[in-house]
Amino acid sequence: MQPGKAVAKQQSSLSVSKGNYFLENKEQITDQYGVPRKDIDFRLVGNGVSLFIGSGHMHYQWYAADDTSSAEDLPRQVNMYRMDVLLVGANMHATATKEKLQHYFEHYYVTGKDITVGSYERITYKNIYPNIDWVLYIKNGIAEYDFVIRPGGKVSDIQIAYDGATDIQILTNGCLRTTTPLGYVEEQAPIAFDGTNKVVTSRFALHNNVISFTTAPYEGKLTIDPSIDWGTYLGGLLYDQVYFSTCDDSGYVYVTGSTASVANIATTGSYQNTYGGGTGTSSYLGDGFVSKFNKTGACLWSTY
């Protein structure tokens, strides 16, 4: 295997929103005790999930409201779950280069001073592994990241560990799926190309919750291209059942079913955004629901 330039691409389905850029951290991101997380460089916001990024690590954090109490005058608890992704053996002190400053920014008052936090379309961690750069960027409203392998770099150096997943497995179709109680991350089977666009056999390898890439011998440039989807679950803590789903000509997905959950179903401004319950003599008096999703899996609206 001759050393060359290789790109391992990974794609994340995030709908376009104000947070769909890499928002830099200037000590406004803290832990649960209010201590600034200086190891976090950027935050990316999706639908029900945030992604925190630092040199050699990422953290998915899902959010879901607790529907155990339906009393309107009681504060609703928000459940959170985190999954950590670590680039094993990576340079944890690699400096991020920020590119393509966006118009969106935020203001914070931190440690007695006003700060302005910018958002960026592209960030690069140079030499995250020897002769390997880690590039994260937004393309057409979708978050992606590449491993760019220069001469002297080795695909085998890339080792990705998952901590906090309740299940991680390589599916029979070659896809990688990591599951948590509040959401999931799914990576499509990698497709590799050399510098002449010739397909190079590649696949995921899994050992002790650590993912790596294996490829056939290649010459020169190599592109390893799995794609990633992440999502949250529609529904609450009680009974939820999907009866029917369909897709229109524009690619929008419609789902209908029944539910006994009083949270995590309806969206603000929908036709009926509060649980109404059913009528009749059945032992199950749930409510019906209808939801619409866009092509990236973001819930556009949902109603009881």
C-alpha atoms as a PDB file:
ATOM      1  CA  MET A   1       0.000   0.000   0.000  1.00  0.00           C
ATOM      2  CA  GLN A   2       1.621   3.207  -1.105  1.00  0.00           C
ATOM      3  CA  PRO A   3       1.044   6.347   0.969  1.00  0.00           C
ATOM      4  CA  GLY A   4      -1.087   8.996  -0.664  1.00  0.00           C
ATOM      5  CA  LYS A   5      -3.881  11.421  -0.022  1.00  0.00           C
ATOM      6  CA  ALA A   6      -7.047   9.822   1.289  1.00  0.00           C
ATOM      7  CA  VAL A   7     -10.345  11.282   2.372  1.00  0.00           C
ATOM      8  CA  ALA A   8     -12.713   9.458   4.727  1.00  0.00           C
ATOM      9  CA  LYS A   9     -16.034  11.265   4.424  1.00  0.00           C
ATOM     10  CA  GLN A  10     -18.847  11.093   6.948  1.00  0.00           C
ATOM     11  CA  GLN A  11     -22.189  12.861   6.557  1.00  0.00           C
ATOM     12  CA  SER A  12     -24.782  13.901   9.133  1.00  0.00           C
ATOM     13  CA  SER A  13     -28.390  14.782   8.324  1.00  0.00           C
ATOM     14  CA  LEU A  14     -29.161  18.097   9.990  1.00  0.00           C
ATOM     15  CA  SER A  15     -31.911  20.392   8.750  1.00  0.00           C
ATOM     16  CA  VAL A  16     -30.865  23.952   7.983  1.00  0.00           C
ATOM     17  CA  SER A  17     -31.377  26.210  10.986  1.00  0.00           C
ATOM     18  CA  LYS A  18     -29.665  29.056  12.770  1.00  0.00           C
ATOM     19  CA  GLY A  19     -27.530  26.540  14.622  1.00  0.00           C
ATOM     20  CA  ASN A  20     -26.539  24.530  11.560  1.00  0.00           C
ATOM     21  CA  TYR A  21     -23.030  25.964  11.569  1.00  0.00           C
ATOM     22  CA  PHE A  22     -20.091  25.361  13.849  1.00  0.00           C
ATOM     23  CA  LEU A  23     -20.568  27.854  16.684  1.00  0.00           C
ATOM     24  CA  GLU A  24     -17.238  28.554  18.359  1.00  0.00           C
ATOM     25  CA  ASN A  25     -16.794  28.204  22.112  1.00  0.00           C
ATOM     26  CA  LYS A  26     -15.449  31.202  23.997  1.00  0.00           C
ATOM     27  CA  GLU A  27     -16.077  29.725  27.459  1.00  0.00           C
ATOM     28  CA  GLN A  28     -19.872  30.099  27.164  1.00  0.00           C
ATOM     29  CA  ILE A  29     -20.162  26.289  27.121  1.00  0.00           C
ATOM     30  CA  THR A  30     -19.966  24.904  30.652  1.00  0.00           C
ATOM     31  CA  ASP A  31     -20.481  21.637  32.475  1.00  0.00           C
ATOM     32  CA  GLN A  32     -23.312  20.964  34.939  1.00  0.00           C
ATOM     33  CA  TYR A  33     -21.375  22.813  37.632  1.00  0.00           C
ATOM     34  CA  GLY A  34     -20.906  25.963  35.582  1.00  0.00           C
ATOM     35  CA  VAL A  35     -17.224  25.296  34.887  1.00  0.00           C
ATOM     36  CA  PRO A  36     -16.182  26.312  31.332  1.00  0.00           C
ATOM     37  CA  ARG A  37     -15.463  23.361  29.032  1.00  0.00           C
ATOM     38  CA  LYS A  38     -12.213  24.558  27.495  1.00  0.00           C
ATOM     39  CA  ASP A  39     -11.781  21.216  25.721  1.00  0.00           C
ATOM     40  CA  ILE A  40     -14.840  21.972  23.565  1.00  0.00           C
ATOM     41  CA  ASP A  41     -14.111  24.121  20.512  1.00  0.00           C
ATOM     42  CA  PHE A  42     -17.443  24.122  18.670  1.00  0.00           C
ATOM     43  CA  ARG A  43     -21.124  23.251  19.010  1.00  0.00           C
ATOM     44  CA  LEU A  44     -23.453  22.112  16.238  1.00  0.00           C
ATOM     45  CA  VAL A  45     -27.216  22.003  16.841  1.00  0.00           C
ATOM     46  CA  GLY A  46     -29.593  19.539  15.194  1.00  0.00           C
ATOM     47  CA  ASN A  47     -33.153  18.403  15.818  1.00  0.00           C
ATOM     48  CA  GLY A  48     -33.285  17.221  19.405  1.00  0.00           C
ATOM     49  CA  VAL A  49     -29.530  16.672  19.485  1.00  0.00           C
ATOM     50  CA  SER A  50     -26.428  18.812  19.908  1.00  0.00           C
ATOM     51  CA  LEU A  51     -22.924  17.877  18.827  1.00  0.00           C
ATOM     52  CA  PHE A  52     -19.957  19.232  20.791  1.00  0.00           C
ATOM     53  CA  ILE A  53     -16.575  19.055  19.047  1.00  0.00           C
ATOM     54  CA  GLY A  54     -13.021  19.241  20.360  1.00  0.00           C
ATOM     55  CA  SER A  55      -9.605  18.119  19.212  1.00  0.00           C
ATOM     56  CA  GLY A  56      -9.947  14.375  18.721  1.00  0.00           C
ATOM     57  CA  HIS A  57     -13.396  13.990  20.267  1.00  0.00           C
ATOM     58  CA  MET A  58     -17.118  14.594  19.706  1.00  0.00           C
ATOM     59  CA  HIS A  59     -20.088  14.365  22.058  1.00  0.00           C
ATOM     60  CA  TYR A  60     -23.668  13.748  20.943  1.00  0.00           C
ATOM     61  CA  GLN A  61     -26.233  15.001  23.461  1.00  0.00           C
ATOM     62  CA  TRP A  62     -29.901  14.183  22.939  1.00  0.00           C
ATOM     63  CA  TYR A  63     -32.795  15.983  24.655  1.00  0.00           C
ATOM     64  CA  ALA A  64     -36.350  14.806  25.327  1.00  0.00           C
ATOM     65  CA  ALA A  65     -39.093  16.159  27.579  1.00  0.00           C
ATOM     66  CA  ASP A  66     -40.390  13.880  30.334  1.00  0.00           C
ATOM     67  CA  ASP A  67     -44.150  13.334  30.048  1.00  0.00           C
ATOM     68  CA  THR A  68     -44.693  11.559  33.381  1.00  0.00           C
ATOM     69  CA  SER A  69     -46.667  14.559  34.625  1.00  0.00           C
ATOM     70  CA  SER A  70     -49.341  16.307  32.584  1.00  0.00           C
ATOM     71  CA  ALA A  71     -50.005  19.113  35.048  1.00  0.00           C
ATOM     72  CA  GLU A  72     -49.578  22.398  33.192  1.00  0.00           C
ATOM     73  CA  ASP A  73     -48.447  24.284  36.289  1.00  0.00           C
ATOM     74  CA  LEU A  74     -45.548  21.922  36.982  1.00  0.00           C
ATOM     75  CA  PRO A  75     -42.153  22.407  35.331  1.00  0.00           C
ATOM     76  CA  ARG A  76     -41.443  19.657  32.826  1.00  0.00           C
ATOM     77  CA  GLN A  77     -38.231  17.724  33.274  1.00  0.00           C
ATOM     78  CA  VAL A  78     -35.949  17.404  30.266  1.00  0.00           C
ATOM     79  CA  ASN A  79     -34.115  14.099  29.955  1.00  0.00           C
ATOM     80  CA  MET A  80     -30.648  14.155  28.386  1.00  0.00           C
ATOM     81  CA  TYR A  81     -28.351  11.412  27.181  1.00  0.00           C
ATOM     82  CA  ARG A  82     -24.774  11.725  25.944  1.00  0.00           C
ATOM     83  CA  MET A  83     -22.653   9.515  23.740  1.00  0.00           C
ATOM     84  CA  ASP A  84     -18.929  10.254  23.485  1.00  0.00           C
ATOM     85  CA  VAL A  85     -16.906   9.599  20.326  1.00  0.00           C
ATOM     86  CA  LEU A  86     -13.121   9.525  20.732  1.00  0.00           C
ATOM     87  CA  LEU A  87     -10.442   9.371  18.047  1.00  0.00           C
ATOM     88  CA  VAL A  88      -8.163   6.886  19.795  1.00  0.00           C
ATOM     89  CA  GLY A  89      -4.516   7.888  19.775  1.00  0.00           C
ATOM     90  CA  ALA A  90      -5.255  11.236  18.145  1.00  0.00           C
ATOM     91  CA  ASN A  91      -3.429  14.491  18.797  1.00  0.00           C
ATOM     92  CA  MET A  92      -5.604  16.020  21.520  1.00  0.00           C
ATOM     93  CA  HIS A  93      -3.796  19.343  21.146  1.00  0.00           C
ATOM     94  CA  ALA A  94      -4.370  19.856  17.435  1.00  0.00           C
ATOM     95  CA  THR A  95      -5.449  23.431  16.700  1.00  0.00           C
ATOM     96  CA  ALA A  96      -8.620  24.076  14.725  1.00  0.00           C
ATOM     97  CA  THR A  97      -8.495  26.375  11.710  1.00  0.00           C
ATOM     98  CA  LYS A  98     -11.813  28.196  11.150  1.00  0.00           C
ATOM     99  CA  GLU A  99     -13.019  29.021   7.643  1.00  0.00           C
ATOM    100  CA  LYS A 100     -16.014  30.702   5.979  1.00  0.00           C
ATOM    101  CA  LEU A 101     -17.375  32.912   8.756  1.00  0.00           C
ATOM    102  CA  GLN A 102     -21.191  33.080   8.611  1.00  0.00           C
ATOM    103  CA  HIS A 103     -23.564  35.988   9.224  1.00  0.00           C
ATOM    104  CA  TYR A 104     -25.109  34.256  12.237  1.00  0.00           C
ATOM    105  CA  PHE A 105     -23.519  35.010  15.618  1.00  0.00           C
ATOM    106  CA  GLU A 106     -24.478  35.057  19.302  1.00  0.00           C
ATOM    107  CA  HIS A 107     -23.725  37.395  22.200  1.00  0.00           C
ATOM    108  CA  TYR A 108     -22.920  36.214  25.733  1.00  0.00           C
ATOM    109  CA  TYR A 109     -21.948  37.806  29.019  1.00  0.00           C
ATOM    110  CA  VAL A 110     -19.165  35.594  30.380  1.00  0.00           C
ATOM    111  CA  THR A 111     -16.781  36.201  33.295  1.00  0.00           C
ATOM    112  CA  GLY A 112     -17.768  39.833  33.525  1.00  0.00           C
ATOM    113  CA  LYS A 113     -17.380  40.714  29.869  1.00  0.00           C
ATOM    114  CA  ASP A 114     -19.442  40.706  26.687  1.00  0.00           C
ATOM    115  CA  ILE A 115     -18.314  38.276  24.010  1.00  0.00           C
ATOM    116  CA  THR A 116     -19.391  37.698  20.423  1.00  0.00           C
ATOM    117  CA  VAL A 117     -19.440  34.089  19.252  1.00  0.00           C
ATOM    118  CA  GLY A 118     -19.098  33.461  15.529  1.00  0.00           C
ATOM    119  CA  SER A 119     -20.248  30.536  13.417  1.00  0.00           C
ATOM    120  CA  TYR A 120     -18.267  28.872  10.656  1.00  0.00           C
ATOM    121  CA  GLU A 121     -18.967  26.600   7.712  1.00  0.00           C
ATOM    122  CA  ARG A 122     -15.687  24.710   7.833  1.00  0.00           C
ATOM    123  CA  ILE A 123     -13.102  23.761  10.466  1.00  0.00           C
ATOM    124  CA  THR A 124      -9.897  21.738  10.140  1.00  0.00           C
ATOM    125  CA  TYR A 125      -7.809  19.984  12.782  1.00  0.00           C
ATOM    126  CA  LYS A 126      -4.361  19.703  11.177  1.00  0.00           C
ATOM    127  CA  ASN A 127      -2.398  16.521  11.935  1.00  0.00           C
ATOM    128  CA  ILE A 128      -5.067  14.970  14.143  1.00  0.00           C
ATOM    129  CA  TYR A 129      -3.048  11.835  13.357  1.00  0.00           C
ATOM    130  CA  PRO A 130       0.431  11.932  11.766  1.00  0.00           C
ATOM    131  CA  ASN A 131      -0.087  13.297   8.235  1.00  0.00           C
ATOM    132  CA  ILE A 132      -3.861  13.101   8.639  1.00  0.00           C
ATOM    133  CA  ASP A 133      -6.182  16.124   8.890  1.00  0.00           C
ATOM    134  CA  TRP A 134      -9.715  16.060  10.299  1.00  0.00           C
ATOM    135  CA  VAL A 135     -11.975  18.383   8.313  1.00  0.00           C
ATOM    136  CA  LEU A 136     -15.558  19.183   9.367  1.00  0.00           C
ATOM    137  CA  TYR A 137     -17.847  21.278   7.191  1.00  0.00           C
ATOM    138  CA  ILE A 138     -21.414  22.124   6.186  1.00  0.00           C
ATOM    139  CA  LYS A 139     -22.431  21.370   2.605  1.00  0.00           C
ATOM    140  CA  ASN A 140     -25.943  22.069   1.302  1.00  0.00           C
ATOM    141  CA  GLY A 141     -27.260  22.167   4.855  1.00  0.00           C
ATOM    142  CA  ILE A 142     -25.643  18.837   5.733  1.00  0.00           C
ATOM    143  CA  ALA A 143     -22.806  18.339   8.218  1.00  0.00           C
ATOM    144  CA  GLU A 144     -19.900  16.201   7.024  1.00  0.00           C
ATOM    145  CA  TYR A 145     -16.374  15.394   8.094  1.00  0.00           C
ATOM    146  CA  ASP A 146     -13.383  13.975   6.253  1.00  0.00           C
ATOM    147  CA  PHE A 147     -10.101  12.387   7.176  1.00  0.00           C
ATOM    148  CA  VAL A 148      -7.576  13.738   4.672  1.00  0.00           C
ATOM    149  CA  ILE A 149      -4.571  11.420   4.542  1.00  0.00           C
ATOM    150  CA  ARG A 150      -1.391  12.893   3.117  1.00  0.00           C
ATOM    151  CA  PRO A 151       1.727  10.938   2.058  1.00  0.00           C
ATOM    152  CA  GLY A 152       3.025   9.126   5.114  1.00  0.00           C
ATOM    153  CA  GLY A 153      -0.389   8.846   6.754  1.00  0.00           C
ATOM    154  CA  LYS A 154      -2.000   5.482   7.450  1.00  0.00           C
ATOM    155  CA  VAL A 155      -5.682   4.573   7.265  1.00  0.00           C
ATOM    156  CA  SER A 156      -5.042   2.089  10.079  1.00  0.00           C
ATOM    157  CA  ASP A 157      -4.230   4.972  12.445  1.00  0.00           C
ATOM    158  CA  ILE A 158      -7.889   6.051  12.404  1.00  0.00           C
ATOM    159  CA  GLN A 159      -9.583   4.392  15.397  1.00  0.00           C
ATOM    160  CA  ILE A 160     -12.997   5.649  16.562  1.00  0.00           C
ATOM    161  CA  ALA A 161     -14.277   4.627  20.011  1.00  0.00           C
ATOM    162  CA  TYR A 162     -17.880   5.027  21.201  1.00  0.00           C
ATOM    163  CA  ASP A 163     -18.717   5.428  24.883  1.00  0.00           C
ATOM    164  CA  GLY A 164     -22.319   5.609  26.062  1.00  0.00           C
ATOM    165  CA  ALA A 165     -23.963   3.612  23.290  1.00  0.00           C
ATOM    166  CA  THR A 166     -26.381   0.984  24.549  1.00  0.00           C
ATOM    167  CA  ASP A 167     -25.727  -1.021  21.402  1.00  0.00           C
ATOM    168  CA  ILE A 168     -23.184  -0.844  18.589  1.00  0.00           C
ATOM    169  CA  GLN A 169     -23.135  -3.244  15.689  1.00  0.00           C
ATOM    170  CA  ILE A 170     -22.193  -3.663  12.059  1.00  0.00           C
ATOM    171  CA  LEU A 171     -25.358  -4.672  10.231  1.00  0.00           C
ATOM    172  CA  THR A 172     -25.561  -7.355   7.560  1.00  0.00           C
ATOM    173  CA  ASN A 173     -25.587  -4.652   4.861  1.00  0.00           C
ATOM    174  CA  GLY A 174     -22.286  -3.262   6.154  1.00  0.00           C
ATOM    175  CA  CYS A 175     -23.783  -0.263   7.934  1.00  0.00           C
ATOM    176  CA  LEU A 176     -22.693   0.738  11.429  1.00  0.00           C
ATOM    177  CA  ARG A 177     -25.411   1.617  13.938  1.00  0.00           C
ATOM    178  CA  THR A 178     -24.900   2.981  17.453  1.00  0.00           C
ATOM    179  CA  THR A 179     -28.009   3.227  19.607  1.00  0.00           C
ATOM    180  CA  THR A 180     -28.813   5.198  22.767  1.00  0.00           C
ATOM    181  CA  PRO A 181     -32.032   5.523  24.798  1.00  0.00           C
ATOM    182  CA  LEU A 182     -32.855   8.885  23.162  1.00  0.00           C
ATOM    183  CA  GLY A 183     -31.389   8.646  19.674  1.00  0.00           C
ATOM    184  CA  TYR A 184     -29.065   6.915  17.272  1.00  0.00           C
ATOM    185  CA  VAL A 185     -26.182   7.377  14.859  1.00  0.00           C
ATOM    186  CA  GLU A 186     -26.080   5.262  11.716  1.00  0.00           C
ATOM    187  CA  GLU A 187     -23.195   5.143   9.246  1.00  0.00           C
ATOM    188  CA  GLN A 188     -23.673   3.688   5.794  1.00  0.00           C
ATOM    189  CA  ALA A 189     -21.209   1.070   4.599  1.00  0.00           C
ATOM    190  CA  PRO A 190     -18.047   2.844   3.415  1.00  0.00           C
ATOM    191  CA  ILE A 191     -17.280   3.113  -0.284  1.00  0.00           C
ATOM    192  CA  ALA A 192     -13.639   3.712  -1.180  1.00  0.00           C
ATOM    193  CA  PHE A 193     -12.147   5.150  -4.376  1.00  0.00           C
ATOM    194  CA  ASP A 194      -8.552   5.629  -5.412  1.00  0.00           C
ATOM    195  CA  GLY A 195      -7.163   8.605  -7.322  1.00  0.00           C
ATOM    196  CA  THR A 196      -8.563   7.297 -10.627  1.00  0.00           C
ATOM    197  CA  ASN A 197     -12.060   6.802  -9.128  1.00  0.00           C
ATOM    198  CA  LYS A 198     -11.574   3.053  -9.151  1.00  0.00           C
ATOM    199  CA  VAL A 199     -13.540   1.347  -6.386  1.00  0.00           C
ATOM    200  CA  VAL A 200     -11.371  -0.063  -3.607  1.00  0.00           C
ATOM    201  CA  THR A 201     -12.939  -2.691  -1.356  1.00  0.00           C
ATOM    202  CA  SER A 202     -13.494  -1.276   2.132  1.00  0.00           C
ATOM    203  CA  ARG A 203     -15.512  -2.025   5.226  1.00  0.00           C
ATOM    204  CA  PHE A 204     -15.938  -1.218   8.876  1.00  0.00           C
ATOM    205  CA  ALA A 205     -14.172  -3.286  11.494  1.00  0.00           C
ATOM    206  CA  LEU A 206     -15.470  -3.420  15.082  1.00  0.00           C
ATOM    207  CA  HIS A 207     -13.516  -4.548  18.134  1.00  0.00           C
ATOM    208  CA  ASN A 208     -14.396  -3.660  21.736  1.00  0.00           C
ATOM    209  CA  ASN A 209     -16.608  -0.746  20.621  1.00  0.00           C
ATOM    210  CA  VAL A 210     -13.767   0.699  18.518  1.00  0.00           C
ATOM    211  CA  ILE A 211     -14.352   1.254  14.805  1.00  0.00           C
ATOM    212  CA  SER A 212     -11.640   1.249  12.145  1.00  0.00           C
ATOM    213  CA  PHE A 213     -11.522   1.023   8.364  1.00  0.00           C
ATOM    214  CA  THR A 214     -10.058  -1.841   6.370  1.00  0.00           C
ATOM    215  CA  THR A 215      -9.333  -1.459   2.656  1.00  0.00           C
ATOM    216  CA  ALA A 216      -7.805  -3.449  -0.152  1.00  0.00           C
ATOM    217  CA  PRO A 217      -4.344  -2.335  -1.339  1.00  0.00           C
ATOM    218  CA  TYR A 218      -4.402   0.927  -3.281  1.00  0.00           C
ATOM    219  CA  GLU A 219      -2.020   3.356  -4.916  1.00  0.00           C
ATOM    220  CA  GLY A 220      -1.979   7.131  -4.511  1.00  0.00           C
ATOM    221  CA  LYS A 221      -5.090   8.947  -3.376  1.00  0.00           C
ATOM    222  CA  LEU A 222      -7.868   7.109  -1.553  1.00  0.00           C
ATOM    223  CA  THR A 223     -11.346   8.314  -0.594  1.00  0.00           C
ATOM    224  CA  ILE A 224     -13.264   6.375   2.070  1.00  0.00           C
ATOM    225  CA  ASP A 225     -16.844   7.581   2.040  1.00  0.00           C
ATOM    226  CA  PRO A 226     -19.364   6.345   4.615  1.00  0.00           C
ATOM    227  CA  SER A 227     -22.316   8.628   5.376  1.00  0.00           C
ATOM    228  CA  ILE A 228     -23.832   9.263   8.794  1.00  0.00           C
ATOM    229  CA  ASP A 229     -27.411   9.906   9.853  1.00  0.00           C
ATOM    230  CA  TRP A 230     -28.346  10.800  13.382  1.00  0.00           C
ATOM    231  CA  GLY A 231     -31.787  11.257  14.818  1.00  0.00           C
ATOM    232  CA  THR A 232     -34.095  11.320  17.776  1.00  0.00           C
ATOM    233  CA  TYR A 233     -37.135   9.262  18.577  1.00  0.00           C
ATOM    234  CA  LEU A 234     -40.664  10.590  18.036  1.00  0.00           C
ATOM    235  CA  GLY A 235     -42.830   9.871  21.060  1.00  0.00           C
ATOM    236  CA  GLY A 236     -42.827   9.949  24.821  1.00  0.00           C
ATOM    237  CA  LEU A 237     -42.522   7.547  27.709  1.00  0.00           C
ATOM    238  CA  LEU A 238     -45.950   5.958  27.267  1.00  0.00           C
ATOM    239  CA  TYR A 239     -47.493   3.848  24.507  1.00  0.00           C
ATOM    240  CA  ASP A 240     -46.789   5.038  20.930  1.00  0.00           C
ATOM    241  CA  GLN A 241     -47.749   3.111  17.791  1.00  0.00           C
ATOM    242  CA  VAL A 242     -47.197   3.958  14.106  1.00  0.00           C
ATOM    243  CA  TYR A 243     -49.936   2.590  11.842  1.00  0.00           C
ATOM    244  CA  PHE A 244     -49.057   4.050   8.457  1.00  0.00           C
ATOM    245  CA  SER A 245     -46.342   6.040   6.682  1.00  0.00           C
ATOM    246  CA  THR A 246     -46.041   7.394   3.158  1.00  0.00           C
ATOM    247  CA  CYS A 247     -43.842   9.657   1.050  1.00  0.00           C
ATOM    248  CA  ASP A 248     -44.994  12.378  -1.364  1.00  0.00           C
ATOM    249  CA  ASP A 249     -43.462  13.333  -4.724  1.00  0.00           C
ATOM    250  CA  SER A 250     -41.245  15.948  -3.046  1.00  0.00           C
ATOM    251  CA  GLY A 251     -39.684  13.440  -0.668  1.00  0.00           C
ATOM    252  CA  TYR A 252     -41.576  14.483   2.467  1.00  0.00           C
ATOM    253  CA  VAL A 253     -42.558  11.649   4.810  1.00  0.00           C
ATOM    254  CA  TYR A 254     -45.908  11.470   6.618  1.00  0.00           C
ATOM    255  CA  VAL A 255     -46.485   9.230   9.641  1.00  0.00           C
ATOM    256  CA  THR A 256     -49.732   8.545  11.481  1.00  0.00           C
ATOM    257  CA  GLY A 257     -50.591   6.447  14.508  1.00  0.00           C
ATOM    258  CA  SER A 258     -51.829   6.548  18.083  1.00  0.00           C
ATOM    259  CA  THR A 259     -50.208   7.599  21.343  1.00  0.00           C
ATOM    260  CA  ALA A 260     -50.771   7.838  25.078  1.00  0.00           C
ATOM    261  CA  SER A 261     -47.801  10.192  25.539  1.00  0.00           C
ATOM    262  CA  VAL A 262     -48.455  13.803  26.497  1.00  0.00           C
ATOM    263  CA  ALA A 263     -45.034  15.115  25.381  1.00  0.00           C
ATOM    264  CA  ASN A 264     -42.584  14.741  22.485  1.00  0.00           C
ATOM    265  CA  ILE A 265     -45.426  14.392  19.977  1.00  0.00           C
ATOM    266  CA  ALA A 266     -46.925  17.739  18.955  1.00  0.00           C
ATOM    267  CA  THR A 267     -44.950  20.745  17.754  1.00  0.00           C
ATOM    268  CA  THR A 268     -45.603  24.392  18.579  1.00  0.00           C
ATOM    269  CA  GLY A 269     -48.259  25.952  16.354  1.00  0.00           C
ATOM    270  CA  SER A 270     -49.726  22.651  15.209  1.00  0.00           C
ATOM    271  CA  TYR A 271     -53.446  21.999  14.793  1.00  0.00           C
ATOM    272  CA  GLN A 272     -53.730  20.392  18.263  1.00  0.00           C
ATOM    273  CA  ASN A 273     -50.591  20.638  20.390  1.00  0.00           C
ATOM    274  CA  THR A 274     -51.966  19.200  23.642  1.00  0.00           C
ATOM    275  CA  TYR A 275     -52.929  15.631  24.411  1.00  0.00           C
ATOM    276  CA  GLY A 276     -56.700  15.141  24.277  1.00  0.00           C
ATOM    277  CA  GLY A 277     -57.138  11.443  24.912  1.00  0.00           C
ATOM    278  CA  GLY A 278     -59.764   9.232  23.355  1.00  0.00           C
ATOM    279  CA  THR A 279     -63.433   8.518  23.958  1.00  0.00           C
ATOM    280  CA  GLY A 280     -65.462   5.341  24.251  1.00  0.00           C
ATOM    281  CA  THR A 281     -65.348   2.170  26.304  1.00  0.00           C
ATOM    282  CA  SER A 282     -62.003   0.799  25.149  1.00  0.00           C
ATOM    283  CA  SER A 283     -59.377   0.141  27.807  1.00  0.00           C
ATOM    284  CA  TYR A 284     -56.982   2.186  25.663  1.00  0.00           C
ATOM    285  CA  LEU A 285     -58.097   5.803  25.291  1.00  0.00           C
ATOM    286  CA  GLY A 286     -55.097   7.238  23.492  1.00  0.00           C
ATOM    287  CA  ASP A 287     -54.929  10.050  20.955  1.00  0.00           C
ATOM    288  CA  GLY A 288     -54.163   9.920  17.258  1.00  0.00           C
ATOM    289  CA  PHE A 289     -51.237  11.821  15.744  1.00  0.00           C
ATOM    290  CA  VAL A 290     -49.940  12.882  12.329  1.00  0.00           C
ATOM    291  CA  SER A 291     -46.330  13.977  11.690  1.00  0.00           C
ATOM    292  CA  LYS A 292     -44.469  15.354   8.671  1.00  0.00           C
ATOM    293  CA  PHE A 293     -40.701  14.992   8.118  1.00  0.00           C
ATOM    294  CA  ASN A 294     -38.406  16.515   5.524  1.00  0.00           C
ATOM    295  CA  LYS A 295     -35.796  14.691   3.439  1.00  0.00           C
ATOM    296  CA  THR A 296     -33.160  14.894   6.185  1.00  0.00           C
ATOM    297  CA  GLY A 297     -35.474  13.382   8.812  1.00  0.00           C
ATOM    298  CA  ALA A 298     -36.303  16.641  10.610  1.00  0.00           C
ATOM    299  CA  CYS A 299     -39.846  16.851  11.976  1.00  0.00           C
ATOM    300  CA  LEU A 300     -41.535  19.817  10.257  1.00  0.00           C
ATOM    301  CA  TRP A 301     -44.749  19.514  12.243  1.00  0.00           C
ATOM    302  CA  SER A 302     -46.600  17.001  14.362  1.00  0.00           C
ATOM    303  CA  THR A 303     -50.092  17.182  15.819  1.00  0.00           C
ATOM    304  CA  TYR A 304     -52.493  15.213  17.976  1.00  0.00           C
END
